[in-house]
């Protein structure tokens, strides 16, 4: 028996009033509700995200629907800083800073 993790995607639903939050429960898991800014963060299955967003956008109490772009972003930060050299490797030249260090005397 193996547990399979379903891919989820966030949808931000901007509403006019927060009275209809209970109606949004049938579309996905409500993760966060902002009372001041009047939006709801829903999590739905990734395969059904676009169809759910279209359904939510057609509701009369919904102002705007935004689908999260996080699944499209590469989250591996292996080569995030390509200019940085390894300090422990003596074979590689490493410069502490491109700026000169200045000492001030008062």
Protein backbone atom coordinates (compact mmCIF):
# COMPACT_ATOMS: atom_id res chain seq x y z
CA UNK A 1 0.00 0.00 0.00
CA UNK A 2 1.50 3.31 -1.05
CA UNK A 3 0.36 6.83 -0.42
CA UNK A 4 0.24 9.03 -3.50
CA UNK A 5 0.46 12.77 -3.03
CA UNK A 6 -1.86 14.71 -5.30
CA UNK A 7 -0.49 17.82 -6.96
CA UNK A 8 -2.24 20.91 -5.61
CA UNK A 9 -2.42 24.45 -6.91
CA UNK A 10 -3.44 27.63 -5.16
CA UNK A 11 -6.24 29.89 -6.37
CA UNK A 12 -6.81 33.36 -4.95
CA UNK A 13 -10.48 34.36 -5.05
CA UNK A 14 -11.24 38.04 -4.52
CA UNK A 15 -14.81 38.51 -3.27
CA UNK A 16 -17.11 41.46 -2.67
CA UNK A 17 -18.31 40.19 0.71
CA UNK A 18 -17.21 37.34 2.94
CA UNK A 19 -20.73 36.01 3.52
CA UNK A 20 -20.44 33.36 0.81
CA UNK A 21 -17.29 31.67 2.12
CA UNK A 22 -19.27 28.53 2.92
CA UNK A 23 -20.17 28.25 -0.77
CA UNK A 24 -16.48 28.20 -1.70
CA UNK A 25 -15.86 25.06 0.38
CA UNK A 26 -17.30 22.85 -2.35
CA UNK A 27 -14.64 24.01 -4.85
CA UNK A 28 -11.54 23.22 -2.80
CA UNK A 29 -9.75 23.42 0.53
CA UNK A 30 -9.91 26.91 2.08
CA UNK A 31 -6.44 27.65 3.38
CA UNK A 32 -6.70 31.33 4.32
CA UNK A 33 -9.32 34.07 4.48
CA UNK A 34 -8.37 37.74 4.63
CA UNK A 35 -11.10 39.75 6.30
CA UNK A 36 -9.51 43.11 5.61
CA UNK A 37 -8.61 42.60 1.94
CA UNK A 38 -11.54 40.26 1.21
CA UNK A 39 -9.85 37.36 -0.52
CA UNK A 40 -9.81 33.61 -0.02
CA UNK A 41 -6.91 31.27 -0.76
CA UNK A 42 -8.15 27.91 -2.06
CA UNK A 43 -6.16 24.78 -2.85
CA UNK A 44 -7.49 22.51 -5.60
CA UNK A 45 -6.14 19.61 -7.65
CA UNK A 46 -3.70 20.81 -10.27
CA UNK A 47 -5.51 19.06 -13.11
CA UNK A 48 -8.78 20.80 -12.24
CA UNK A 49 -7.33 24.26 -11.46
CA UNK A 50 -8.30 25.99 -14.72
CA UNK A 51 -11.85 24.61 -14.82
CA UNK A 52 -12.36 25.47 -11.16
CA UNK A 53 -11.08 29.00 -11.77
CA UNK A 54 -13.57 29.45 -14.61
CA UNK A 55 -16.42 28.17 -12.44
CA UNK A 56 -15.42 30.50 -9.60
CA UNK A 57 -15.18 33.46 -11.92
CA UNK A 58 -18.76 32.95 -13.04
CA UNK A 59 -20.14 33.27 -9.49
CA UNK A 60 -21.89 36.57 -8.75
CA UNK A 61 -20.05 37.30 -5.48
CA UNK A 62 -16.56 36.81 -6.96
CA UNK A 63 -14.66 39.91 -8.04
CA UNK A 64 -11.55 38.30 -9.54
CA UNK A 65 -9.80 34.91 -9.66
CA UNK A 66 -6.03 34.46 -9.82
CA UNK A 67 -4.34 31.10 -10.36
CA UNK A 68 -0.98 30.62 -8.64
CA UNK A 69 2.08 30.31 -10.88
CA UNK A 70 4.19 28.50 -8.32
CA UNK A 71 4.02 25.05 -10.02
CA UNK A 72 5.47 26.65 -13.17
CA UNK A 73 8.50 28.09 -11.33
CA UNK A 74 11.65 26.01 -11.01
CA UNK A 75 12.29 25.85 -7.26
CA UNK A 76 15.77 24.29 -7.48
CA UNK A 77 18.28 26.92 -6.46
CA UNK A 78 21.36 24.99 -7.45
CA UNK A 79 22.74 27.64 -9.80
CA UNK A 80 21.11 30.67 -8.25
CA UNK A 81 24.44 32.44 -7.72
CA UNK A 82 26.67 31.51 -10.65
CA UNK A 83 29.35 34.15 -9.87
CA UNK A 84 30.08 32.90 -6.37
CA UNK A 85 33.25 30.86 -6.00
CA UNK A 86 34.07 28.28 -3.39
CA UNK A 87 36.10 29.80 -0.53
CA UNK A 88 37.50 26.45 0.62
CA UNK A 89 38.93 25.50 -2.76
CA UNK A 90 42.43 27.09 -3.06
CA UNK A 91 42.63 26.34 -6.79
CA UNK A 92 39.79 28.70 -7.57
CA UNK A 93 40.43 32.42 -7.35
CA UNK A 94 38.02 34.12 -4.97
CA UNK A 95 37.53 37.83 -4.43
CA UNK A 96 35.93 38.90 -1.17
CA UNK A 97 34.22 41.91 -2.64
CA UNK A 98 34.25 43.98 -5.77
CA UNK A 99 34.09 47.09 -3.60
CA UNK A 100 37.08 48.43 -1.74
CA UNK A 101 36.91 48.26 1.99
CA UNK A 102 37.39 51.70 3.47
CA UNK A 103 38.43 52.49 6.98
CA UNK A 104 37.25 55.71 8.48
CA UNK A 105 38.94 57.50 11.33
CA UNK A 106 37.06 60.08 13.33
